[in-house]
Amino acid sequence: MREQNRIHVQKQVVGVQHELTGEFQSVRIRPLVCTDIETVRMLRNRFRDRFIDSRQISKESQEAWYLRYQGAPGDYMFVAEWKDQPGVILGAAAIYDIDTQRKTGEFGRLMVQQACAGRGAGFQITAAVCRIGFDQLGLSEITLKVLSDNPQARRVYEKTGFSSVERTHAPADGELIEMSLTKDMFCKIFTKQE
C-alpha cells in the first residue's frame, strides 16, 4: 500500500510552480520540476548540517514538501546547471516569503554539488537568483539567514553584496546571521562586474 501511495503522489507532482529562468556567467537556472526532487533531496541531505533545520529528509517527506510547494505562492525554487552541460544539476536555491507590498523576499536553500566547489558555482547561483528577484519579481530588498559557523556561504553572500544586519540565536545552540541586499547595491556591484 505504501508503494501505491508513493506512486500516486509522484503522478500528482508533475506541474511547474513558475516559469522564471536566468543566467549569470557560466550558470543557467531554471524552475525545479518533479524529476529534480530526488537529486535535490540527496544534495540537501549531504549538506544538512549547513541548514537551520538539519534533519534528514526522506523521499516521502520530499514528495510531500513538493506538493505543498506547488501551492505556495511567493516561493520560487530553482535548480542550476552549467550552460555547457544542460541537464546536469550542479546546485539549487530559492527565493521565498515574497512580500509584494514591501517588495521583499528571502533567499535560501542554496546547495552546490561538492564537485563544483571552488568553481564559483555558489556565487553564480546566488547572483542569478537575486537578479530574478530584482528584475523579474520587482523586489527592492532580499534578505537571508546563514549559520555563523558557515564561513564559505557567508563569503559567497558577501561577494554578492549582502551585508550583515543582525545576529540571533539559532536552534541547537548556534548563531544566525541575518543579511540584506538592496537592489541598488546589487546593481552597483554587478554593473561593474559585467
C-alpha atoms as a PDB file:
ATOM      1  CA  MET A   1       0.000   0.000   0.000  1.00  0.00           C
ATOM      2  CA  ARG A   2       2.798   2.417   0.826  1.00  0.00           C
ATOM      3  CA  GLU A   3       4.380   1.937  -2.636  1.00  0.00           C
ATOM      4  CA  GLN A   4       0.973   2.500  -4.210  1.00  0.00           C
ATOM      5  CA  ASN A   5       0.596   5.813  -2.318  1.00  0.00           C
ATOM      6  CA  ARG A   6       4.096   6.887  -3.331  1.00  0.00           C
ATOM      7  CA  ILE A   7       3.332   6.268  -6.998  1.00  0.00           C
ATOM      8  CA  HIS A   8       0.094   8.226  -6.654  1.00  0.00           C
ATOM      9  CA  VAL A   9       1.982  11.163  -5.144  1.00  0.00           C
ATOM     10  CA  GLN A  10       4.571  11.046  -7.918  1.00  0.00           C
ATOM     11  CA  LYS A  11       1.842  11.223 -10.545  1.00  0.00           C
ATOM     12  CA  GLN A  12       0.398  14.305  -8.891  1.00  0.00           C
ATOM     13  CA  VAL A  13       3.655  16.251  -8.758  1.00  0.00           C
ATOM     14  CA  VAL A  14       4.198  16.945 -12.409  1.00  0.00           C
ATOM     15  CA  GLY A  15       3.452  20.655 -12.672  1.00  0.00           C
ATOM     16  CA  VAL A  16       5.858  23.555 -12.623  1.00  0.00           C
ATOM     17  CA  GLN A  17       5.388  26.173  -9.887  1.00  0.00           C
ATOM     18  CA  HIS A  18       6.763  29.018 -12.021  1.00  0.00           C
ATOM     19  CA  GLU A  19       8.494  29.703 -15.325  1.00  0.00           C
ATOM     20  CA  LEU A  20      11.254  32.070 -14.198  1.00  0.00           C
ATOM     21  CA  THR A  21      14.715  31.418 -15.602  1.00  0.00           C
ATOM     22  CA  GLY A  22      18.010  33.227 -15.501  1.00  0.00           C
ATOM     23  CA  GLU A  23      21.710  33.135 -16.202  1.00  0.00           C
ATOM     24  CA  PHE A  24      24.843  34.502 -14.666  1.00  0.00           C
ATOM     25  CA  GLN A  25      28.300  33.940 -16.145  1.00  0.00           C
ATOM     26  CA  SER A  26      28.547  30.129 -16.675  1.00  0.00           C
ATOM     27  CA  VAL A  27      25.356  29.139 -14.826  1.00  0.00           C
ATOM     28  CA  ARG A  28      21.776  28.809 -16.013  1.00  0.00           C
ATOM     29  CA  ILE A  29      18.941  28.440 -13.516  1.00  0.00           C
ATOM     30  CA  ARG A  30      15.514  27.044 -14.197  1.00  0.00           C
ATOM     31  CA  PRO A  31      12.437  26.077 -12.170  1.00  0.00           C
ATOM     32  CA  LEU A  32      12.550  22.959 -10.013  1.00  0.00           C
ATOM     33  CA  VAL A  33      10.427  20.187 -11.549  1.00  0.00           C
ATOM     34  CA  CYS A  34       9.268  16.832 -10.222  1.00  0.00           C
ATOM     35  CA  THR A  35      12.128  14.896 -11.811  1.00  0.00           C
ATOM     36  CA  ASP A  36      14.634  17.072  -9.878  1.00  0.00           C
ATOM     37  CA  ILE A  37      13.341  16.484  -6.372  1.00  0.00           C
ATOM     38  CA  GLU A  38      15.302  13.304  -5.620  1.00  0.00           C
ATOM     39  CA  THR A  39      18.589  14.872  -6.743  1.00  0.00           C
ATOM     40  CA  VAL A  40      17.864  17.957  -4.654  1.00  0.00           C
ATOM     41  CA  ARG A  41      16.893  15.804  -1.660  1.00  0.00           C
ATOM     42  CA  MET A  42      20.157  13.866  -1.825  1.00  0.00           C
ATOM     43  CA  LEU A  43      22.140  17.092  -2.187  1.00  0.00           C
ATOM     44  CA  ARG A  44      20.341  18.718   0.729  1.00  0.00           C
ATOM     45  CA  ASN A  45      20.868  15.670   2.959  1.00  0.00           C
ATOM     46  CA  ARG A  46      24.579  15.594   2.120  1.00  0.00           C
ATOM     47  CA  PHE A  47      24.976  19.148   3.440  1.00  0.00           C
ATOM     48  CA  ARG A  48      22.174  19.182   6.012  1.00  0.00           C
ATOM     49  CA  ASP A  49      24.487  20.430   8.776  1.00  0.00           C
ATOM     50  CA  ARG A  50      24.607  23.761   6.891  1.00  0.00           C
ATOM     51  CA  PHE A  51      20.822  24.217   7.117  1.00  0.00           C
ATOM     52  CA  ILE A  52      18.921  25.723  10.021  1.00  0.00           C
ATOM     53  CA  ASP A  53      16.747  22.594  10.042  1.00  0.00           C
ATOM     54  CA  SER A  54      19.360  19.841   9.779  1.00  0.00           C
ATOM     55  CA  ARG A  55      17.041  16.829   9.874  1.00  0.00           C
ATOM     56  CA  GLN A  56      17.492  14.044   7.300  1.00  0.00           C
ATOM     57  CA  ILE A  57      14.810  14.336   4.597  1.00  0.00           C
ATOM     58  CA  SER A  58      13.117  11.110   3.420  1.00  0.00           C
ATOM     59  CA  LYS A  59      11.757  10.552  -0.085  1.00  0.00           C
ATOM     60  CA  GLU A  60       8.228  10.736   1.301  1.00  0.00           C
ATOM     61  CA  SER A  61       8.955  13.995   3.113  1.00  0.00           C
ATOM     62  CA  GLN A  62      10.473  15.497  -0.029  1.00  0.00           C
ATOM     63  CA  GLU A  63       7.454  14.480  -2.116  1.00  0.00           C
ATOM     64  CA  ALA A  64       5.088  15.958   0.496  1.00  0.00           C
ATOM     65  CA  TRP A  65       7.159  19.174   0.549  1.00  0.00           C
ATOM     66  CA  TYR A  66       6.968  19.350  -3.268  1.00  0.00           C
ATOM     67  CA  LEU A  67       3.174  19.051  -3.172  1.00  0.00           C
ATOM     68  CA  ARG A  68       2.990  21.905  -0.632  1.00  0.00           C
ATOM     69  CA  TYR A  69       5.483  23.921  -2.690  1.00  0.00           C
ATOM     70  CA  GLN A  70       3.263  23.549  -5.770  1.00  0.00           C
ATOM     71  CA  GLY A  71       0.542  25.502  -3.984  1.00  0.00           C
ATOM     72  CA  ALA A  72       2.770  28.015  -2.198  1.00  0.00           C
ATOM     73  CA  PRO A  73       2.515  31.487  -3.696  1.00  0.00           C
ATOM     74  CA  GLY A  74       5.662  33.560  -3.404  1.00  0.00           C
ATOM     75  CA  ASP A  75       8.019  30.559  -3.277  1.00  0.00           C
ATOM     76  CA  TYR A  76      10.373  30.101  -6.242  1.00  0.00           C
ATOM     77  CA  MET A  77      12.716  27.104  -6.164  1.00  0.00           C
ATOM     78  CA  PHE A  78      15.413  26.759  -8.821  1.00  0.00           C
ATOM     79  CA  VAL A  79      17.958  24.221  -9.948  1.00  0.00           C
ATOM     80  CA  ALA A  80      21.203  25.273 -11.589  1.00  0.00           C
ATOM     81  CA  GLU A  81      23.161  23.781 -14.465  1.00  0.00           C
ATOM     82  CA  TRP A  82      26.360  24.794 -16.203  1.00  0.00           C
ATOM     83  CA  LYS A  83      25.403  26.396 -19.529  1.00  0.00           C
ATOM     84  CA  ASP A  84      27.638  23.949 -21.372  1.00  0.00           C
ATOM     85  CA  GLN A  85      26.204  20.909 -19.502  1.00  0.00           C
ATOM     86  CA  PRO A  86      22.405  21.199 -19.653  1.00  0.00           C
ATOM     87  CA  GLY A  87      20.572  18.550 -17.663  1.00  0.00           C
ATOM     88  CA  VAL A  88      23.351  18.085 -15.105  1.00  0.00           C
ATOM     89  CA  ILE A  89      22.245  19.657 -11.819  1.00  0.00           C
ATOM     90  CA  LEU A  90      25.092  21.461 -10.079  1.00  0.00           C
ATOM     91  CA  GLY A  91      23.014  23.024  -7.330  1.00  0.00           C
ATOM     92  CA  ALA A  92      19.782  24.635  -6.215  1.00  0.00           C
ATOM     93  CA  ALA A  93      18.492  27.745  -4.456  1.00  0.00           C
ATOM     94  CA  ALA A  94      15.254  29.580  -3.800  1.00  0.00           C
ATOM     95  CA  ILE A  95      13.664  32.909  -3.150  1.00  0.00           C
ATOM     96  CA  TYR A  96      10.574  32.809  -0.975  1.00  0.00           C
ATOM     97  CA  ASP A  97       8.452  34.666   1.576  1.00  0.00           C
ATOM     98  CA  ILE A  98       7.785  37.309  -1.063  1.00  0.00           C
ATOM     99  CA  ASP A  99       6.054  40.382   0.349  1.00  0.00           C
ATOM    100  CA  THR A 100       4.657  42.245  -2.650  1.00  0.00           C
ATOM    101  CA  GLN A 101       3.666  45.276  -0.556  1.00  0.00           C
ATOM    102  CA  ARG A 102       7.140  45.780   0.916  1.00  0.00           C
ATOM    103  CA  LYS A 103       8.854  44.376  -2.219  1.00  0.00           C
ATOM    104  CA  THR A 104      11.000  41.998  -0.165  1.00  0.00           C
ATOM    105  CA  GLY A 105      11.862  38.315  -0.280  1.00  0.00           C
ATOM    106  CA  GLU A 106      14.183  35.849   1.387  1.00  0.00           C
ATOM    107  CA  PHE A 107      16.985  33.961  -0.374  1.00  0.00           C
ATOM    108  CA  GLY A 108      17.873  30.464   0.804  1.00  0.00           C
ATOM    109  CA  ARG A 109      18.093  26.728   0.241  1.00  0.00           C
ATOM    110  CA  LEU A 110      21.440  27.211  -1.523  1.00  0.00           C
ATOM    111  CA  MET A 111      23.082  23.872  -2.279  1.00  0.00           C
ATOM    112  CA  VAL A 112      26.047  23.157  -4.546  1.00  0.00           C
ATOM    113  CA  GLN A 113      27.427  19.796  -5.651  1.00  0.00           C
ATOM    114  CA  GLN A 114      30.754  19.121  -3.943  1.00  0.00           C
ATOM    115  CA  ALA A 115      32.401  18.503  -7.340  1.00  0.00           C
ATOM    116  CA  CYS A 116      31.656  22.160  -8.195  1.00  0.00           C
ATOM    117  CA  ALA A 117      33.344  23.591  -5.091  1.00  0.00           C
ATOM    118  CA  GLY A 118      35.914  26.233  -5.904  1.00  0.00           C
ATOM    119  CA  ARG A 119      34.459  26.954  -9.354  1.00  0.00           C
ATOM    120  CA  GLY A 120      32.258  29.864  -8.298  1.00  0.00           C
ATOM    121  CA  ALA A 121      29.007  27.936  -8.618  1.00  0.00           C
ATOM    122  CA  GLY A 122      27.547  29.138  -5.303  1.00  0.00           C
ATOM    123  CA  PHE A 123      28.259  32.755  -6.161  1.00  0.00           C
ATOM    124  CA  GLN A 124      26.853  32.421  -9.689  1.00  0.00           C
ATOM    125  CA  ILE A 125      23.675  30.674  -8.478  1.00  0.00           C
ATOM    126  CA  THR A 126      23.168  33.318  -5.777  1.00  0.00           C
ATOM    127  CA  ALA A 127      23.675  36.163  -8.242  1.00  0.00           C
ATOM    128  CA  ALA A 128      21.328  34.604 -10.824  1.00  0.00           C
ATOM    129  CA  VAL A 129      18.531  34.082  -8.272  1.00  0.00           C
ATOM    130  CA  CYS A 130      18.956  37.602  -6.863  1.00  0.00           C
ATOM    131  CA  ARG A 131      18.807  39.033 -10.382  1.00  0.00           C
ATOM    132  CA  ILE A 132      15.487  37.249 -10.905  1.00  0.00           C
ATOM    133  CA  GLY A 133      14.272  38.629  -7.574  1.00  0.00           C
ATOM    134  CA  PHE A 134      15.133  42.184  -8.512  1.00  0.00           C
ATOM    135  CA  ASP A 135      14.481  42.201 -12.267  1.00  0.00           C
ATOM    136  CA  GLN A 136      11.605  39.748 -12.713  1.00  0.00           C
ATOM    137  CA  LEU A 137       9.854  39.801  -9.324  1.00  0.00           C
ATOM    138  CA  GLY A 138      10.312  43.542  -8.738  1.00  0.00           C
ATOM    139  CA  LEU A 139      11.879  43.228  -5.287  1.00  0.00           C
ATOM    140  CA  SER A 140      13.795  46.111  -3.728  1.00  0.00           C
ATOM    141  CA  GLU A 141      15.424  44.061  -0.943  1.00  0.00           C
ATOM    142  CA  ILE A 142      16.394  40.414  -0.443  1.00  0.00           C
ATOM    143  CA  THR A 143      17.325  39.040   2.958  1.00  0.00           C
ATOM    144  CA  LEU A 144      18.772  35.727   4.091  1.00  0.00           C
ATOM    145  CA  LYS A 145      19.765  33.862   7.229  1.00  0.00           C
ATOM    146  CA  VAL A 146      23.026  31.935   7.465  1.00  0.00           C
ATOM    147  CA  LEU A 147      24.578  29.953  10.294  1.00  0.00           C
ATOM    148  CA  SER A 148      27.575  31.809  11.721  1.00  0.00           C
ATOM    149  CA  ASP A 149      29.704  28.656  11.510  1.00  0.00           C
ATOM    150  CA  ASN A 150      29.307  28.538   7.702  1.00  0.00           C
ATOM    151  CA  PRO A 151      32.050  30.928   6.543  1.00  0.00           C
ATOM    152  CA  GLN A 152      32.044  29.600   2.977  1.00  0.00           C
ATOM    153  CA  ALA A 153      28.396  30.582   2.470  1.00  0.00           C
ATOM    154  CA  ARG A 154      28.962  33.938   4.164  1.00  0.00           C
ATOM    155  CA  ARG A 155      31.802  34.709   1.716  1.00  0.00           C
ATOM    156  CA  VAL A 156      29.526  33.861  -1.229  1.00  0.00           C
ATOM    157  CA  TYR A 157      26.798  36.138   0.118  1.00  0.00           C
ATOM    158  CA  GLU A 158      29.204  38.997   0.854  1.00  0.00           C
ATOM    159  CA  LYS A 159      30.682  38.711  -2.642  1.00  0.00           C
ATOM    160  CA  THR A 160      27.137  39.007  -3.998  1.00  0.00           C
ATOM    161  CA  GLY A 161      26.665  42.204  -1.975  1.00  0.00           C
ATOM    162  CA  PHE A 162      24.799  41.018   1.129  1.00  0.00           C
ATOM    163  CA  SER A 163      25.780  42.713   4.385  1.00  0.00           C
ATOM    164  CA  SER A 164      25.165  41.614   7.976  1.00  0.00           C
ATOM    165  CA  VAL A 165      22.163  43.178   9.668  1.00  0.00           C
ATOM    166  CA  GLU A 166      21.586  41.196  12.852  1.00  0.00           C
ATOM    167  CA  ARG A 167      22.807  38.182  14.849  1.00  0.00           C
ATOM    168  CA  THR A 168      20.387  35.929  16.706  1.00  0.00           C
ATOM    169  CA  HIS A 169      20.436  32.532  18.369  1.00  0.00           C
ATOM    170  CA  ALA A 170      19.833  29.570  16.105  1.00  0.00           C
ATOM    171  CA  PRO A 171      18.357  26.207  17.002  1.00  0.00           C
ATOM    172  CA  ALA A 172      20.856  23.784  18.580  1.00  0.00           C
ATOM    173  CA  ASP A 173      22.931  26.488  20.305  1.00  0.00           C
ATOM    174  CA  GLY A 174      24.172  28.111  17.119  1.00  0.00           C
ATOM    175  CA  GLU A 175      24.094  31.669  15.910  1.00  0.00           C
ATOM    176  CA  LEU A 176      22.247  33.013  12.871  1.00  0.00           C
ATOM    177  CA  ILE A 177      23.394  35.998  10.887  1.00  0.00           C
ATOM    178  CA  GLU A 178      20.695  37.873   9.033  1.00  0.00           C
ATOM    179  CA  MET A 179      21.977  39.563   5.887  1.00  0.00           C
ATOM    180  CA  SER A 180      20.391  42.025   3.467  1.00  0.00           C
ATOM    181  CA  LEU A 181      20.928  43.095  -0.135  1.00  0.00           C
ATOM    182  CA  THR A 182      19.182  46.037  -1.783  1.00  0.00           C
ATOM    183  CA  LYS A 183      18.513  46.323  -5.489  1.00  0.00           C
ATOM    184  CA  ASP A 184      20.633  49.485  -5.629  1.00  0.00           C
ATOM    185  CA  MET A 185      23.643  47.719  -4.088  1.00  0.00           C
ATOM    186  CA  PHE A 186      23.205  44.684  -6.365  1.00  0.00           C
ATOM    187  CA  CYS A 187      23.054  46.914  -9.465  1.00  0.00           C
ATOM    188  CA  LYS A 188      26.102  48.879  -8.340  1.00  0.00           C
ATOM    189  CA  ILE A 189      28.172  45.699  -7.848  1.00  0.00           C
ATOM    190  CA  PHE A 190      27.069  43.863 -10.964  1.00  0.00           C
ATOM    191  CA  THR A 191      27.217  46.813 -13.329  1.00  0.00           C
ATOM    192  CA  LYS A 192      30.954  46.913 -12.567  1.00  0.00           C
ATOM    193  CA  GLN A 193      31.456  43.128 -12.886  1.00  0.00           C
ATOM    194  CA  GLU A 194      29.718  42.539 -16.195  1.00  0.00           C
END
